[in-house]
Amino acid sequence: MNFADKVVLISGAGSGIGREMALRFAKLSAKLSLIDINSITLNKVAQECKNISKINVHTVIADLGDINNAKYIVDSTKQEYGRIDVLINCAGISGGFGSKSDVFIENMDKVFNVNLLSHIAITNYASDALIESKGCVINISSVFGTHPTRNLIPYAVAKAALIHFTKCAALELGEKGVRVNSISPGPVNTNIVLSDVKTRELSDNFWQKLAEQLPLKKLVTTEQIAEVAVLMASEKGGGITGCNYKVDSGMALKRLTL
């Protein structure tokens, strides 16, 4: 597969899954527009991608806690490249608290803005460009979007809504030639949710214990998630739309002691 002359916009590209996706598409010669709130990590990833592809990388420093930045992100990308072929909504923050938490209300808006509303807004502003290119959208949800949890409620609800938005957008944009899908990662050792649970001290062997509870007895890797995204964005995924792909080592098949 080759993405030469294709423009791929990735939010949350400064670390974790977003970084891995940026590196993977750089290897496939894509023109990248990378978005993140952290300028240091974002510039580092952009340089890594440039070293791989020998193609200049466009970057936008933006806080998606303010959804008003969505239009600027899309406009900046179109101004740089003139088109958008693949939109990957990957930015996310943790919401490590339950509904009875003292910080539930004050943190709810930000969790929803970053994990849901910003993705909807960017998709809205990018829709004309995607229709023109017959492109696609890939939303990064979570296994918690379909798997209930007591400690990550705002996060889980936002991710569940993102899956449903994916299906609605796929139905609406399908007749225009745009495909919309989502990926729901399970436990990844860079996962912002599991690494930021405030109600539990992370022991040195936490990840090992978690892996042992999974049907496949191993954690998901960022590389595996990136490979699914590449398939969805490629011509080989041309018949896939409105789908939510779980990449979770079977986590959703059983109840874990999280």
C-alpha atoms as a PDB file:
ATOM      1  CA  MET A   1       0.000   0.000   0.000  1.00  0.00           C
ATOM      2  CA  ASN A   2       1.146   3.491  -0.806  1.00  0.00           C
ATOM      3  CA  PHE A   3      -0.336   6.848   0.201  1.00  0.00           C
ATOM      4  CA  ALA A   4       1.804   9.077  -1.986  1.00  0.00           C
ATOM      5  CA  ASP A   5      -0.083  12.312  -2.782  1.00  0.00           C
ATOM      6  CA  LYS A   6      -2.651  11.500  -0.075  1.00  0.00           C
ATOM      7  CA  VAL A   7      -3.091  13.985   2.771  1.00  0.00           C
ATOM      8  CA  VAL A   8      -3.619  12.407   6.196  1.00  0.00           C
ATOM      9  CA  LEU A   9      -4.734  14.616   9.102  1.00  0.00           C
ATOM     10  CA  ILE A  10      -4.134  13.083  12.543  1.00  0.00           C
ATOM     11  CA  SER A  11      -5.165  14.702  15.821  1.00  0.00           C
ATOM     12  CA  GLY A  12      -3.428  13.587  19.011  1.00  0.00           C
ATOM     13  CA  ALA A  13      -0.330  12.794  16.975  1.00  0.00           C
ATOM     14  CA  GLY A  14       2.202  13.765  19.633  1.00  0.00           C
ATOM     15  CA  SER A  15       2.211  10.480  21.526  1.00  0.00           C
ATOM     16  CA  GLY A  16       0.835   6.968  21.874  1.00  0.00           C
ATOM     17  CA  ILE A  17      -1.499   5.661  19.197  1.00  0.00           C
ATOM     18  CA  GLY A  18      -1.514   8.947  17.280  1.00  0.00           C
ATOM     19  CA  ARG A  19       2.284   8.956  17.065  1.00  0.00           C
ATOM     20  CA  GLU A  20       2.349   5.374  15.812  1.00  0.00           C
ATOM     21  CA  MET A  21      -0.209   6.189  13.130  1.00  0.00           C
ATOM     22  CA  ALA A  22       1.831   9.181  12.002  1.00  0.00           C
ATOM     23  CA  LEU A  23       4.966   7.038  11.697  1.00  0.00           C
ATOM     24  CA  ARG A  24       3.083   4.292   9.842  1.00  0.00           C
ATOM     25  CA  PHE A  25       1.588   6.668   7.275  1.00  0.00           C
ATOM     26  CA  ALA A  26       4.978   8.380   6.878  1.00  0.00           C
ATOM     27  CA  LYS A  27       6.410   4.997   5.861  1.00  0.00           C
ATOM     28  CA  LEU A  28       3.685   4.875   3.210  1.00  0.00           C
ATOM     29  CA  SER A  29       4.719   8.298   1.820  1.00  0.00           C
ATOM     30  CA  ALA A  30       1.628  10.204   2.967  1.00  0.00           C
ATOM     31  CA  LYS A  31       1.582  13.969   3.323  1.00  0.00           C
ATOM     32  CA  LEU A  32       0.906  14.531   7.005  1.00  0.00           C
ATOM     33  CA  SER A  33      -0.911  17.199   8.969  1.00  0.00           C
ATOM     34  CA  LEU A  34      -0.260  16.435  12.639  1.00  0.00           C
ATOM     35  CA  ILE A  35      -2.205  18.006  15.507  1.00  0.00           C
ATOM     36  CA  ASP A  36      -1.421  18.041  19.219  1.00  0.00           C
ATOM     37  CA  ILE A  37      -1.507  20.311  22.252  1.00  0.00           C
ATOM     38  CA  ASN A  38       2.113  19.535  23.215  1.00  0.00           C
ATOM     39  CA  SER A  39       4.487  21.368  20.880  1.00  0.00           C
ATOM     40  CA  ILE A  40       7.588  19.528  22.099  1.00  0.00           C
ATOM     41  CA  THR A  41       6.316  16.012  21.491  1.00  0.00           C
ATOM     42  CA  LEU A  42       4.515  17.020  18.299  1.00  0.00           C
ATOM     43  CA  ASN A  43       7.629  18.557  16.746  1.00  0.00           C
ATOM     44  CA  LYS A  44       9.627  15.477  17.708  1.00  0.00           C
ATOM     45  CA  VAL A  45       7.127  13.177  15.980  1.00  0.00           C
ATOM     46  CA  ALA A  46       7.002  15.452  12.938  1.00  0.00           C
ATOM     47  CA  GLN A  47      10.781  15.243  12.620  1.00  0.00           C
ATOM     48  CA  GLU A  48      10.678  11.448  12.956  1.00  0.00           C
ATOM     49  CA  CYS A  49       8.116  11.309  10.150  1.00  0.00           C
ATOM     50  CA  LYS A  50      10.126  13.658   7.963  1.00  0.00           C
ATOM     51  CA  ASN A  51      13.219  11.513   8.459  1.00  0.00           C
ATOM     52  CA  ILE A  52      11.231   8.480   7.310  1.00  0.00           C
ATOM     53  CA  SER A  53       9.377   9.898   4.313  1.00  0.00           C
ATOM     54  CA  LYS A  54      11.692  12.774   3.293  1.00  0.00           C
ATOM     55  CA  ILE A  55       8.480  14.816   2.960  1.00  0.00           C
ATOM     56  CA  ASN A  56       7.784  18.015   4.882  1.00  0.00           C
ATOM     57  CA  VAL A  57       5.252  17.575   7.715  1.00  0.00           C
ATOM     58  CA  HIS A  58       2.628  20.196   8.565  1.00  0.00           C
ATOM     59  CA  THR A  59       1.960  20.679  12.275  1.00  0.00           C
ATOM     60  CA  VAL A  60      -0.735  22.526  14.208  1.00  0.00           C
ATOM     61  CA  ILE A  61      -0.480  23.180  17.933  1.00  0.00           C
ATOM     62  CA  ALA A  62      -4.053  23.210  19.225  1.00  0.00           C
ATOM     63  CA  ASP A  63      -6.030  22.488  22.373  1.00  0.00           C
ATOM     64  CA  LEU A  64      -9.078  20.432  21.437  1.00  0.00           C
ATOM     65  CA  GLY A  65     -10.572  21.215  24.816  1.00  0.00           C
ATOM     66  CA  ASP A  66     -11.736  24.282  22.886  1.00  0.00           C
ATOM     67  CA  ILE A  67     -13.723  22.983  19.921  1.00  0.00           C
ATOM     68  CA  ASN A  68     -13.454  26.399  18.274  1.00  0.00           C
ATOM     69  CA  ASN A  69      -9.958  25.278  17.238  1.00  0.00           C
ATOM     70  CA  ALA A  70     -11.457  22.619  14.949  1.00  0.00           C
ATOM     71  CA  LYS A  71     -12.055  25.006  12.046  1.00  0.00           C
ATOM     72  CA  TYR A  72      -8.533  26.396  12.260  1.00  0.00           C
ATOM     73  CA  ILE A  73      -7.073  22.886  12.157  1.00  0.00           C
ATOM     74  CA  VAL A  74      -8.970  22.013   8.989  1.00  0.00           C
ATOM     75  CA  ASP A  75      -8.392  25.393   7.317  1.00  0.00           C
ATOM     76  CA  SER A  76      -4.672  25.240   8.071  1.00  0.00           C
ATOM     77  CA  THR A  77      -4.408  21.756   6.567  1.00  0.00           C
ATOM     78  CA  LYS A  78      -6.299  22.731   3.421  1.00  0.00           C
ATOM     79  CA  GLN A  79      -4.205  25.874   3.048  1.00  0.00           C
ATOM     80  CA  GLU A  80      -1.027  23.785   3.279  1.00  0.00           C
ATOM     81  CA  TYR A  81      -2.021  20.926   0.982  1.00  0.00           C
ATOM     82  CA  GLY A  82      -5.227  21.938  -0.806  1.00  0.00           C
ATOM     83  CA  ARG A  83      -7.011  18.719   0.121  1.00  0.00           C
ATOM     84  CA  ILE A  84      -7.719  16.143   2.839  1.00  0.00           C
ATOM     85  CA  ASP A  85      -7.941  12.430   2.013  1.00  0.00           C
ATOM     86  CA  VAL A  86      -7.856  10.750   5.422  1.00  0.00           C
ATOM     87  CA  LEU A  87      -9.012  12.225   8.740  1.00  0.00           C
ATOM     88  CA  ILE A  88      -7.991  10.357  11.885  1.00  0.00           C
ATOM     89  CA  ASN A  89      -9.609  11.713  15.051  1.00  0.00           C
ATOM     90  CA  CYS A  90      -7.272  10.328  17.703  1.00  0.00           C
ATOM     91  CA  ALA A  91      -6.904  13.084  20.328  1.00  0.00           C
ATOM     92  CA  GLY A  92      -8.076  12.050  23.763  1.00  0.00           C
ATOM     93  CA  ILE A  93      -7.754  12.638  27.476  1.00  0.00           C
ATOM     94  CA  SER A  94      -8.549  10.462  30.452  1.00  0.00           C
ATOM     95  CA  GLY A  95     -11.599  10.714  32.647  1.00  0.00           C
ATOM     96  CA  GLY A  96     -10.520   8.618  35.615  1.00  0.00           C
ATOM     97  CA  PHE A  97     -13.471   9.191  37.924  1.00  0.00           C
ATOM     98  CA  GLY A  98     -16.981   7.900  38.588  1.00  0.00           C
ATOM     99  CA  SER A  99     -20.302   9.722  38.698  1.00  0.00           C
ATOM    100  CA  LYS A 100     -20.056  10.292  42.470  1.00  0.00           C
ATOM    101  CA  SER A 101     -16.632  11.906  42.270  1.00  0.00           C
ATOM    102  CA  ASP A 102     -16.217  15.459  43.570  1.00  0.00           C
ATOM    103  CA  VAL A 103     -14.569  16.459  40.270  1.00  0.00           C
ATOM    104  CA  PHE A 104     -17.125  14.793  38.000  1.00  0.00           C
ATOM    105  CA  ILE A 105     -19.011  17.924  36.911  1.00  0.00           C
ATOM    106  CA  GLU A 106     -16.025  20.252  36.611  1.00  0.00           C
ATOM    107  CA  ASN A 107     -14.143  17.790  34.387  1.00  0.00           C
ATOM    108  CA  MET A 108     -17.048  16.482  32.329  1.00  0.00           C
ATOM    109  CA  ASP A 109     -17.079  19.284  29.744  1.00  0.00           C
ATOM    110  CA  LYS A 110     -13.380  18.986  28.941  1.00  0.00           C
ATOM    111  CA  VAL A 111     -13.545  15.205  28.602  1.00  0.00           C
ATOM    112  CA  PHE A 112     -16.502  15.499  26.238  1.00  0.00           C
ATOM    113  CA  ASN A 113     -14.923  18.341  24.251  1.00  0.00           C
ATOM    114  CA  VAL A 114     -11.648  16.523  23.593  1.00  0.00           C
ATOM    115  CA  ASN A 115     -12.932  12.966  23.217  1.00  0.00           C
ATOM    116  CA  LEU A 116     -16.142  13.624  21.297  1.00  0.00           C
ATOM    117  CA  LEU A 117     -17.182  17.137  20.312  1.00  0.00           C
ATOM    118  CA  SER A 118     -13.840  18.135  18.782  1.00  0.00           C
ATOM    119  CA  HIS A 119     -13.940  15.031  16.574  1.00  0.00           C
ATOM    120  CA  ILE A 120     -17.448  15.841  15.429  1.00  0.00           C
ATOM    121  CA  ALA A 121     -16.457  19.439  14.733  1.00  0.00           C
ATOM    122  CA  ILE A 122     -13.317  18.537  12.768  1.00  0.00           C
ATOM    123  CA  THR A 123     -15.310  16.018  10.729  1.00  0.00           C
ATOM    124  CA  ASN A 124     -17.910  18.689  10.022  1.00  0.00           C
ATOM    125  CA  TYR A 125     -15.372  21.239   8.828  1.00  0.00           C
ATOM    126  CA  ALA A 126     -13.446  18.644   6.811  1.00  0.00           C
ATOM    127  CA  SER A 127     -16.500  17.077   5.180  1.00  0.00           C
ATOM    128  CA  ASP A 128     -16.429  19.146   1.974  1.00  0.00           C
ATOM    129  CA  ALA A 129     -12.760  18.327   1.393  1.00  0.00           C
ATOM    130  CA  LEU A 130     -13.391  14.649   2.118  1.00  0.00           C
ATOM    131  CA  ILE A 131     -16.335  14.565  -0.278  1.00  0.00           C
ATOM    132  CA  GLU A 132     -14.162  16.111  -2.970  1.00  0.00           C
ATOM    133  CA  SER A 133     -11.393  13.546  -2.450  1.00  0.00           C
ATOM    134  CA  LYS A 134     -13.762  10.610  -1.797  1.00  0.00           C
ATOM    135  CA  GLY A 135     -11.815  10.189   1.400  1.00  0.00           C
ATOM    136  CA  CYS A 136     -12.435   8.580   4.752  1.00  0.00           C
ATOM    137  CA  VAL A 137     -12.684   9.257   8.492  1.00  0.00           C
ATOM    138  CA  ILE A 138     -11.302   7.017  11.228  1.00  0.00           C
ATOM    139  CA  ASN A 139     -12.401   7.771  14.784  1.00  0.00           C
ATOM    140  CA  ILE A 140     -10.402   6.317  17.665  1.00  0.00           C
ATOM    141  CA  SER A 141     -12.887   5.209  20.286  1.00  0.00           C
ATOM    142  CA  SER A 142     -12.219   2.667  23.058  1.00  0.00           C
ATOM    143  CA  VAL A 143     -13.325  -0.739  24.240  1.00  0.00           C
ATOM    144  CA  PHE A 144     -14.918   1.234  27.083  1.00  0.00           C
ATOM    145  CA  GLY A 145     -17.310   2.672  24.504  1.00  0.00           C
ATOM    146  CA  THR A 146     -19.094  -0.691  24.588  1.00  0.00           C
ATOM    147  CA  HIS A 147     -17.727  -2.196  27.833  1.00  0.00           C
ATOM    148  CA  PRO A 148     -19.128  -0.600  31.034  1.00  0.00           C
ATOM    149  CA  THR A 149     -16.786   0.750  33.688  1.00  0.00           C
ATOM    150  CA  ARG A 150     -17.329   2.289  37.126  1.00  0.00           C
ATOM    151  CA  ASN A 151     -14.290   4.562  37.178  1.00  0.00           C
ATOM    152  CA  LEU A 152     -14.136   6.148  33.718  1.00  0.00           C
ATOM    153  CA  ILE A 153     -17.702   7.234  33.156  1.00  0.00           C
ATOM    154  CA  PRO A 154     -17.331  10.532  31.203  1.00  0.00           C
ATOM    155  CA  TYR A 155     -14.610   8.934  29.075  1.00  0.00           C
ATOM    156  CA  ALA A 156     -16.663   5.815  28.407  1.00  0.00           C
ATOM    157  CA  VAL A 157     -19.838   7.746  27.568  1.00  0.00           C
ATOM    158  CA  ALA A 158     -17.935  10.035  25.189  1.00  0.00           C
ATOM    159  CA  LYS A 159     -16.374   7.039  23.445  1.00  0.00           C
ATOM    160  CA  ALA A 160     -19.757   5.323  23.161  1.00  0.00           C
ATOM    161  CA  ALA A 161     -21.210   8.453  21.572  1.00  0.00           C
ATOM    162  CA  LEU A 162     -18.250   8.582  19.181  1.00  0.00           C
ATOM    163  CA  ILE A 163     -19.068   5.077  17.957  1.00  0.00           C
ATOM    164  CA  HIS A 164     -22.672   6.079  17.309  1.00  0.00           C
ATOM    165  CA  PHE A 165     -21.551   9.297  15.591  1.00  0.00           C
ATOM    166  CA  THR A 166     -19.354   7.133  13.372  1.00  0.00           C
ATOM    167  CA  LYS A 167     -22.376   5.129  12.229  1.00  0.00           C
ATOM    168  CA  CYS A 168     -24.538   8.210  11.697  1.00  0.00           C
ATOM    169  CA  ALA A 169     -21.823  10.001   9.731  1.00  0.00           C
ATOM    170  CA  ALA A 170     -21.188   6.882   7.665  1.00  0.00           C
ATOM    171  CA  LEU A 171     -24.859   6.774   6.716  1.00  0.00           C
ATOM    172  CA  GLU A 172     -24.956  10.476   5.860  1.00  0.00           C
ATOM    173  CA  LEU A 173     -21.656  10.736   3.982  1.00  0.00           C
ATOM    174  CA  GLY A 174     -21.733   7.336   2.300  1.00  0.00           C
ATOM    175  CA  GLU A 175     -23.811   8.586  -0.605  1.00  0.00           C
ATOM    176  CA  LYS A 176     -21.111  11.218  -1.156  1.00  0.00           C
ATOM    177  CA  GLY A 177     -18.400   8.568  -1.385  1.00  0.00           C
ATOM    178  CA  VAL A 178     -16.915   9.137   2.094  1.00  0.00           C
ATOM    179  CA  ARG A 179     -16.337   6.180   4.415  1.00  0.00           C
ATOM    180  CA  VAL A 180     -16.456   6.585   8.209  1.00  0.00           C
ATOM    181  CA  ASN A 181     -15.264   3.923  10.647  1.00  0.00           C
ATOM    182  CA  SER A 182     -13.988   3.666  14.200  1.00  0.00           C
ATOM    183  CA  ILE A 183     -11.388   1.630  16.056  1.00  0.00           C
ATOM    184  CA  SER A 184     -11.856   0.666  19.699  1.00  0.00           C
ATOM    185  CA  PRO A 185      -8.493  -0.154  21.276  1.00  0.00           C
ATOM    186  CA  GLY A 186      -8.276  -2.249  24.393  1.00  0.00           C
ATOM    187  CA  PRO A 187      -5.397  -2.084  26.895  1.00  0.00           C
ATOM    188  CA  VAL A 188      -2.260  -0.566  25.386  1.00  0.00           C
ATOM    189  CA  ASN A 189       0.774   0.123  27.529  1.00  0.00           C
ATOM    190  CA  THR A 190       0.579   3.790  26.549  1.00  0.00           C
ATOM    191  CA  ASN A 191      -3.189   3.928  27.092  1.00  0.00           C
ATOM    192  CA  ILE A 192      -4.156   7.251  28.659  1.00  0.00           C
ATOM    193  CA  VAL A 193      -7.106   5.695  30.455  1.00  0.00           C
ATOM    194  CA  LEU A 194      -5.415   2.822  32.222  1.00  0.00           C
ATOM    195  CA  SER A 195      -2.244   4.761  33.018  1.00  0.00           C
ATOM    196  CA  ASP A 196      -4.188   7.596  34.660  1.00  0.00           C
ATOM    197  CA  VAL A 197      -6.590   5.809  36.986  1.00  0.00           C
ATOM    198  CA  LYS A 198      -6.238   7.814  40.184  1.00  0.00           C
ATOM    199  CA  THR A 199      -8.051   5.315  42.410  1.00  0.00           C
ATOM    200  CA  ARG A 200      -5.286   2.720  42.206  1.00  0.00           C
ATOM    201  CA  GLU A 201      -1.515   2.664  42.536  1.00  0.00           C
ATOM    202  CA  LEU A 202       0.110   1.139  39.483  1.00  0.00           C
ATOM    203  CA  SER A 203       2.439  -1.648  40.537  1.00  0.00           C
ATOM    204  CA  ASP A 204       5.447  -2.699  38.498  1.00  0.00           C
ATOM    205  CA  ASN A 205       3.659  -5.806  37.278  1.00  0.00           C
ATOM    206  CA  PHE A 206       0.280  -4.147  36.647  1.00  0.00           C
ATOM    207  CA  TRP A 207       0.497  -4.553  32.875  1.00  0.00           C
ATOM    208  CA  GLN A 208       1.546  -8.180  33.205  1.00  0.00           C
ATOM    209  CA  LYS A 209      -1.414  -8.917  35.485  1.00  0.00           C
ATOM    210  CA  LEU A 210      -3.766  -7.169  33.090  1.00  0.00           C
ATOM    211  CA  ALA A 211      -2.438  -9.100  30.112  1.00  0.00           C
ATOM    212  CA  GLU A 212      -2.987 -12.377  31.942  1.00  0.00           C
ATOM    213  CA  GLN A 213      -6.697 -11.561  32.245  1.00  0.00           C
ATOM    214  CA  LEU A 214      -7.135 -11.109  28.497  1.00  0.00           C
ATOM    215  CA  PRO A 215      -8.218 -14.035  26.301  1.00  0.00           C
ATOM    216  CA  LEU A 216      -5.115 -13.595  24.122  1.00  0.00           C
ATOM    217  CA  LYS A 217      -2.894 -13.172  27.216  1.00  0.00           C
ATOM    218  CA  LYS A 218      -1.156 -10.134  25.757  1.00  0.00           C
ATOM    219  CA  LEU A 219      -1.610  -6.389  25.520  1.00  0.00           C
ATOM    220  CA  VAL A 220      -2.547  -4.589  22.336  1.00  0.00           C
ATOM    221  CA  THR A 221       0.277  -2.693  20.642  1.00  0.00           C
ATOM    222  CA  THR A 222       0.114   0.713  19.009  1.00  0.00           C
ATOM    223  CA  GLU A 223       1.488  -0.914  15.859  1.00  0.00           C
ATOM    224  CA  GLN A 224      -1.506  -3.249  15.645  1.00  0.00           C
ATOM    225  CA  ILE A 225      -3.927  -0.345  15.908  1.00  0.00           C
ATOM    226  CA  ALA A 226      -2.043   1.631  13.266  1.00  0.00           C
ATOM    227  CA  GLU A 227      -2.158  -1.333  10.882  1.00  0.00           C
ATOM    228  CA  VAL A 228      -5.945  -1.512  11.193  1.00  0.00           C
ATOM    229  CA  ALA A 229      -6.148   2.218  10.458  1.00  0.00           C
ATOM    230  CA  VAL A 230      -4.024   1.784   7.337  1.00  0.00           C
ATOM    231  CA  LEU A 231      -6.306  -1.013   6.123  1.00  0.00           C
ATOM    232  CA  MET A 232      -9.396   1.141   6.717  1.00  0.00           C
ATOM    233  CA  ALA A 233      -7.856   4.085   4.876  1.00  0.00           C
ATOM    234  CA  SER A 234      -6.610   2.058   1.907  1.00  0.00           C
ATOM    235  CA  GLU A 235      -8.350   0.794  -1.194  1.00  0.00           C
ATOM    236  CA  LYS A 236      -8.418  -2.652   0.428  1.00  0.00           C
ATOM    237  CA  GLY A 237     -10.849  -1.189   2.950  1.00  0.00           C
ATOM    238  CA  GLY A 238     -12.956   0.396   0.249  1.00  0.00           C
ATOM    239  CA  GLY A 239     -16.029  -1.618   1.185  1.00  0.00           C
ATOM    240  CA  ILE A 240     -15.860  -0.872   4.903  1.00  0.00           C
ATOM    241  CA  THR A 241     -17.983   1.890   6.404  1.00  0.00           C
ATOM    242  CA  GLY A 242     -20.010   2.392   9.568  1.00  0.00           C
ATOM    243  CA  CYS A 243     -17.990  -0.267  11.378  1.00  0.00           C
ATOM    244  CA  ASN A 244     -16.348  -0.280  14.801  1.00  0.00           C
ATOM    245  CA  TYR A 245     -13.294  -2.524  14.961  1.00  0.00           C
ATOM    246  CA  LYS A 246     -12.258  -3.742  18.414  1.00  0.00           C
ATOM    247  CA  VAL A 247      -8.516  -4.249  18.751  1.00  0.00           C
ATOM    248  CA  ASP A 248      -8.513  -5.392  22.365  1.00  0.00           C
ATOM    249  CA  SER A 249      -6.983  -8.879  22.691  1.00  0.00           C
ATOM    250  CA  GLY A 250     -10.500 -10.075  23.503  1.00  0.00           C
ATOM    251  CA  MET A 251     -11.036  -7.733  26.462  1.00  0.00           C
ATOM    252  CA  ALA A 252     -14.686  -7.075  25.601  1.00  0.00           C
ATOM    253  CA  LEU A 253     -15.420 -10.790  25.805  1.00  0.00           C
ATOM    254  CA  LYS A 254     -15.038 -10.948  29.566  1.00  0.00           C
ATOM    255  CA  ARG A 255     -15.282  -8.824  32.673  1.00  0.00           C
ATOM    256  CA  LEU A 256     -11.916  -7.709  33.988  1.00  0.00           C
ATOM    257  CA  THR A 257     -10.985  -6.673  37.520  1.00  0.00           C
ATOM    258  CA  LEU A 258     -10.152  -3.059  36.684  1.00  0.00           C
END
